[in-house]
Protein backbone atom coordinates (compact mmCIF):
# COMPACT_ATOMS: atom_id res chain seq x y z
CA MET A 1 -74.04 10.07 33.12
CA LEU A 2 -72.40 12.07 30.45
CA PRO A 3 -73.01 15.83 30.31
CA ILE A 4 -75.06 17.04 27.32
CA PRO A 5 -73.05 19.58 25.22
CA GLU A 6 -74.32 22.84 24.99
CA PHE A 7 -74.84 22.37 21.14
CA ALA A 8 -77.01 19.60 21.45
CA ARG A 9 -79.07 21.49 24.04
CA ASP A 10 -79.44 24.09 21.55
CA SER A 11 -80.32 21.85 18.90
CA ARG A 12 -83.30 20.33 21.04
CA ARG A 13 -84.38 24.10 21.53
CA LEU A 14 -84.28 24.69 17.82
CA TYR A 15 -86.31 21.73 17.04
CA ALA A 16 -88.78 22.97 19.49
CA ALA A 17 -89.15 26.10 18.04
CA LEU A 18 -89.40 24.67 14.76
CA VAL A 19 -92.19 22.23 15.19
CA PRO A 20 -94.77 25.04 15.85
CA ALA A 21 -93.20 27.32 13.30
CA ALA A 22 -93.49 24.76 10.41
CA VAL A 23 -96.88 23.42 11.53
CA VAL A 24 -98.44 27.11 11.81
CA ALA A 25 -96.75 27.96 8.40
CA PHE A 26 -98.39 24.70 6.98
CA ALA A 27 -101.84 25.46 8.21
CA ASP A 28 -101.73 28.85 7.16
CA LEU A 29 -100.60 27.67 3.52
CA ALA A 30 -103.52 25.14 3.65
CA LEU A 31 -106.03 27.76 4.70
CA HIS A 32 -105.08 29.85 1.78
CA GLU A 33 -104.69 27.29 -0.78
CA ASN A 34 -107.62 28.41 -2.95
CA ASN A 35 -107.80 31.50 -2.42
CA GLU A 36 -109.05 34.22 -5.19
CA PHE A 37 -106.04 36.34 -4.06
CA ILE A 38 -103.31 34.32 -5.19
CA GLY A 39 -103.02 35.76 -8.62
CA GLY A 40 -102.88 39.60 -7.52
CA TRP A 41 -99.74 41.32 -8.61
CA LEU A 42 -99.11 42.00 -4.97
CA THR A 43 -100.47 39.24 -3.35
CA LYS A 44 -98.82 36.50 -5.77
CA PRO A 45 -95.22 37.03 -4.35
CA ILE A 46 -96.35 37.15 -0.92
CA PHE A 47 -98.05 33.68 -1.60
CA ASP A 48 -94.91 32.45 -3.32
CA LEU A 49 -92.76 33.41 -0.40
CA HIS A 50 -94.88 31.80 2.08
CA ASP A 51 -94.73 28.71 0.08
CA LEU A 52 -91.08 28.68 0.02
CA GLY A 53 -90.83 29.52 3.63
CA THR A 54 -92.93 26.79 4.47
CA HIS A 55 -91.06 24.13 2.54
CA LEU A 56 -87.45 25.26 4.33
CA LEU A 57 -89.19 25.42 7.73
CA LEU A 58 -90.27 21.48 7.06
CA ILE A 59 -86.92 20.81 5.51
CA ALA A 60 -85.00 22.59 8.52
CA LEU A 61 -87.10 20.47 11.04
CA ALA A 62 -86.53 17.27 8.86
CA ILE A 63 -82.63 17.75 9.23
CA CYS A 64 -82.54 19.25 12.77
CA GLY A 65 -81.16 16.38 14.42
CA TRP A 66 -78.38 15.88 11.74
CA LEU A 67 -77.21 19.11 10.54
CA PRO A 68 -78.09 21.60 13.38
CA ARG A 69 -76.41 24.57 11.65
CA ILE A 70 -77.84 24.05 8.39
CA ALA A 71 -81.27 23.54 9.65
CA ALA A 72 -80.88 26.95 11.61
CA GLY A 73 -79.83 28.83 8.69
CA LEU A 74 -82.95 27.72 6.57
CA SER A 75 -85.07 27.93 9.62
CA ILE A 76 -83.87 31.88 10.00
CA PHE A 77 -84.44 32.09 6.21
CA GLY A 78 -88.03 30.32 5.88
CA ALA A 79 -89.47 32.41 9.06
CA ILE A 80 -88.18 35.60 7.77
CA ILE A 81 -89.83 35.07 4.35
CA CYS A 82 -93.07 33.79 5.99
CA VAL A 83 -93.58 36.98 7.87
CA PRO A 84 -95.20 38.92 5.03
CA MET A 85 -98.13 36.54 4.59
CA TYR A 86 -98.76 36.77 8.38
CA SER A 87 -98.70 40.85 8.31
CA TRP A 88 -100.85 40.59 5.02
CA SER A 89 -103.03 38.19 7.38
CA VAL A 90 -103.02 40.55 10.57
CA MET A 91 -102.82 43.91 9.18
CA PRO A 92 -104.51 43.99 5.57
CA GLY A 93 -105.36 47.84 5.90
CA LEU A 94 -101.53 48.66 6.00
CA TYR A 95 -101.06 46.93 2.66
CA ASN A 96 -104.23 49.18 1.37
CA LEU A 97 -102.18 52.21 2.54
CA ALA A 98 -98.78 51.13 1.36
CA TYR A 99 -99.91 50.26 -2.33
CA PRO A 100 -102.91 52.18 -3.08
CA GLY A 101 -105.28 51.18 -6.18
CA ASN A 102 -108.50 49.87 -7.06
CA TYR A 103 -108.72 46.92 -4.84
CA PRO A 104 -111.77 44.31 -5.23
CA ILE A 105 -112.34 44.59 -1.18
CA THR A 106 -112.44 48.00 0.01
CA GLY A 107 -112.90 49.62 3.38
CA GLN A 108 -110.72 46.61 5.34
CA PRO A 109 -109.80 47.61 8.75
CA PHE A 110 -106.04 48.19 9.49
CA LEU A 111 -105.77 45.47 12.11
CA VAL A 112 -107.79 42.33 11.78
CA PHE A 113 -107.83 39.55 14.79
CA ASP A 114 -106.00 36.42 12.71
CA PRO A 115 -105.11 33.80 15.35
CA ILE A 116 -103.17 32.14 12.94
CA GLY A 117 -101.32 35.21 11.62
CA LEU A 118 -100.62 36.16 15.15
CA VAL A 119 -99.11 32.81 16.07
CA GLY A 120 -97.42 32.68 13.08
CA LEU A 121 -95.78 35.80 13.93
CA PHE A 122 -95.13 35.00 17.35
CA SER A 123 -93.68 31.39 16.05
CA ALA A 124 -91.41 33.15 13.54
CA ILE A 125 -89.94 35.49 16.17
CA VAL A 126 -89.10 32.53 18.38
CA ALA A 127 -87.78 30.12 15.41
CA VAL A 128 -85.42 33.11 14.38
CA ARG A 129 -84.22 33.57 18.15
CA CYS A 130 -83.81 30.33 18.72
CA ALA A 131 -81.84 29.46 15.40
CA SER A 132 -79.67 32.74 15.67
CA SER A 133 -78.16 31.27 18.98
CA ILE A 134 -77.03 27.96 17.28
CA VAL A 135 -75.55 29.91 14.22
CA SER A 136 -73.68 32.20 16.62
CA VAL A 137 -72.24 29.18 18.51
CA ARG A 138 -68.74 29.00 18.05
CA ARG A 139 -66.73 25.60 18.70
């Protein structure tokens, strides 16, 4: 039996980290698809970044077996640009403090228990950690 090279093991680890990250990003994108905040001056860039990050994670998931280093780079970038949406879902009060103004919904708590946002933050951290181990491997 041939030994499995370290690079192939890392590729499988990246695939295992990308599946939950892509599924959660896609579920969060579908959850906020018809949101009334999608056209705001603050939330529109957050939604656009999350949309781009979701597509990058799905592309990285599709090419992970053939081009693991490119998939690792795409997953790092995709996971990082999904983080503002997850943090906006979990900490809406932080955005109200950071960007004061007249908001249609006032008095939001600082922290909100949003399971998709929390799982999204955790899966983004895991995906970046696994992808960074592939990018840093030298042949």
